[in-house]
Protein backbone atom coordinates (compact mmCIF):
# COMPACT_ATOMS: atom_id res chain seq x y z
CA UNK A 1 -17.22 4.77 -5.14
CA UNK A 2 -19.65 2.65 -7.04
CA UNK A 3 -20.09 -0.81 -5.94
CA UNK A 4 -18.39 -2.42 -8.98
CA UNK A 5 -15.53 -0.54 -8.15
CA UNK A 6 -15.36 -1.37 -4.35
CA UNK A 7 -16.19 -5.14 -5.82
CA UNK A 8 -13.03 -5.14 -8.13
CA UNK A 9 -10.93 -3.71 -5.03
CA UNK A 10 -11.98 -6.40 -3.14
CA UNK A 11 -11.33 -8.97 -5.24
CA UNK A 12 -7.65 -6.88 -6.08
CA UNK A 13 -7.53 -7.50 -1.90
CA UNK A 14 -8.76 -11.21 -2.25
CA UNK A 15 -6.06 -11.84 -4.94
CA UNK A 16 -2.85 -10.25 -2.63
CA UNK A 17 -3.91 -12.36 0.39
CA UNK A 18 -4.44 -15.64 -1.47
CA UNK A 19 -0.72 -15.04 -2.88
CA UNK A 20 0.79 -13.57 0.55
CA UNK A 21 -0.69 -16.48 1.92
CA UNK A 22 1.22 -18.81 -0.69
CA UNK A 23 4.60 -17.27 -0.42
CA UNK A 24 3.93 -17.74 3.61
CA UNK A 25 3.16 -21.58 3.02
CA UNK A 26 6.35 -21.80 0.74
CA UNK A 27 8.16 -20.10 3.44
CA UNK A 28 7.16 -22.33 6.11
CA UNK A 29 7.97 -24.77 4.01
CA UNK A 30 11.86 -23.58 3.55
CA UNK A 31 12.22 -22.91 7.60
CA UNK A 32 9.42 -23.20 9.81
CA UNK A 33 10.42 -21.07 12.75
CA UNK A 34 8.82 -18.45 14.95
CA UNK A 35 10.18 -15.89 12.94
CA UNK A 36 8.71 -17.49 9.91
CA UNK A 37 5.18 -16.60 11.44
CA UNK A 38 6.79 -12.81 12.16
CA UNK A 39 7.59 -12.62 8.96
CA UNK A 40 4.16 -13.92 7.68
CA UNK A 41 2.25 -11.16 9.59
CA UNK A 42 4.48 -8.59 8.17
CA UNK A 43 3.73 -9.69 4.88
CA UNK A 44 -0.03 -9.92 5.43
CA UNK A 45 -0.30 -6.24 7.47
CA UNK A 46 2.28 -4.62 4.18
CA UNK A 47 -0.28 -6.44 1.65
CA UNK A 48 -3.65 -4.95 3.70
CA UNK A 49 -1.61 -1.20 3.69
CA UNK A 50 -1.35 -1.44 -0.29
CA UNK A 51 -4.56 -2.80 -0.57
CA UNK A 52 -5.95 0.35 1.73
CA UNK A 53 -4.03 2.94 -0.05
CA UNK A 54 -4.65 1.65 -3.23
CA UNK A 55 -8.47 2.17 -1.74
CA UNK A 56 -7.89 5.33 -0.74
CA UNK A 57 -6.09 6.52 -4.00
CA UNK A 58 -9.15 5.14 -6.06
CA UNK A 59 -11.75 7.03 -4.13
CA UNK A 60 -10.00 10.07 -4.22
CA UNK A 61 -9.88 9.66 -8.07
CA UNK A 62 -13.47 9.07 -7.89
CA UNK A 63 -13.92 12.40 -6.24
CA UNK A 64 -11.82 14.79 -8.16
CA UNK A 65 -13.67 12.96 -11.43
CA UNK A 66 -16.95 14.07 -10.27
CA UNK A 67 -15.83 17.63 -9.10
CA UNK A 68 -16.10 19.91 -12.07
CA UNK A 69 -13.28 22.29 -11.19
CA UNK A 70 -11.00 19.47 -11.15
CA UNK A 71 -12.90 18.45 -14.66
CA UNK A 72 -11.81 22.12 -15.99
CA UNK A 73 -8.08 22.11 -14.41
CA UNK A 74 -7.30 18.93 -15.63
CA UNK A 75 -8.98 19.83 -19.67
CA UNK A 76 -7.02 22.94 -19.17
CA UNK A 77 -3.85 20.79 -17.97
CA UNK A 78 -4.02 18.16 -20.97
CA UNK A 79 -4.44 21.09 -23.38
CA UNK A 80 -1.85 22.80 -22.32
CA UNK A 81 0.51 19.40 -22.64
CA UNK A 82 -1.09 19.21 -26.34
CA UNK A 83 0.08 22.70 -27.20
CA UNK A 84 3.77 21.78 -25.59
CA UNK A 85 3.83 18.65 -27.60
CA UNK A 86 2.52 20.70 -30.70
CA UNK A 87 5.41 23.52 -30.36
CA UNK A 88 7.71 20.77 -29.64
CA UNK A 89 7.47 18.80 -32.75
CA UNK A 90 6.83 21.72 -35.02
CA UNK A 91 10.08 23.14 -33.47
CA UNK A 92 11.58 19.40 -34.51
CA UNK A 93 10.16 19.90 -37.76
CA UNK A 94 11.68 22.76 -38.52
CA UNK A 95 14.83 22.09 -37.56
CA UNK A 96 14.74 18.88 -39.18
CA UNK A 97 13.89 20.82 -42.53
CA UNK A 98 16.07 23.62 -42.07
CA UNK A 99 19.70 20.80 -42.03
CA UNK A 100 18.31 20.00 -45.40
CA UNK A 101 17.52 23.13 -46.83
CA UNK A 102 19.71 26.33 -47.42
CA UNK A 103 16.45 28.32 -47.50
CA UNK A 104 14.83 29.43 -44.25
CA UNK A 105 12.34 27.20 -42.74
CA UNK A 106 8.48 28.06 -43.33
CA UNK A 107 7.29 29.98 -40.15
CA UNK A 108 5.42 27.94 -37.48
CA UNK A 109 1.63 27.03 -37.88
CA UNK A 110 -0.67 28.53 -34.84
């Protein structure tokens, strides 16, 4: 992972931590108790897990993008999706045209 990506994800972690502290502070103000401390620890743990998982996902994405075979597979998948969209639009267009005309629809373009 590049330094700028690490820095960006570090900032995400900091922002969520800050938000979590604010939430915990409000929770303590509303009902200070031992249970609030436990909830705060759980919230911090959950936020850390979220940031860790996001970091893993970004690393996996970066590694995959650098893999030539993965690039080809993605290109093929996007091409197949484009072909499917084109075929669907052509079928819909032909169906719409055939509803308005009594003559048969033109053949689909390749």
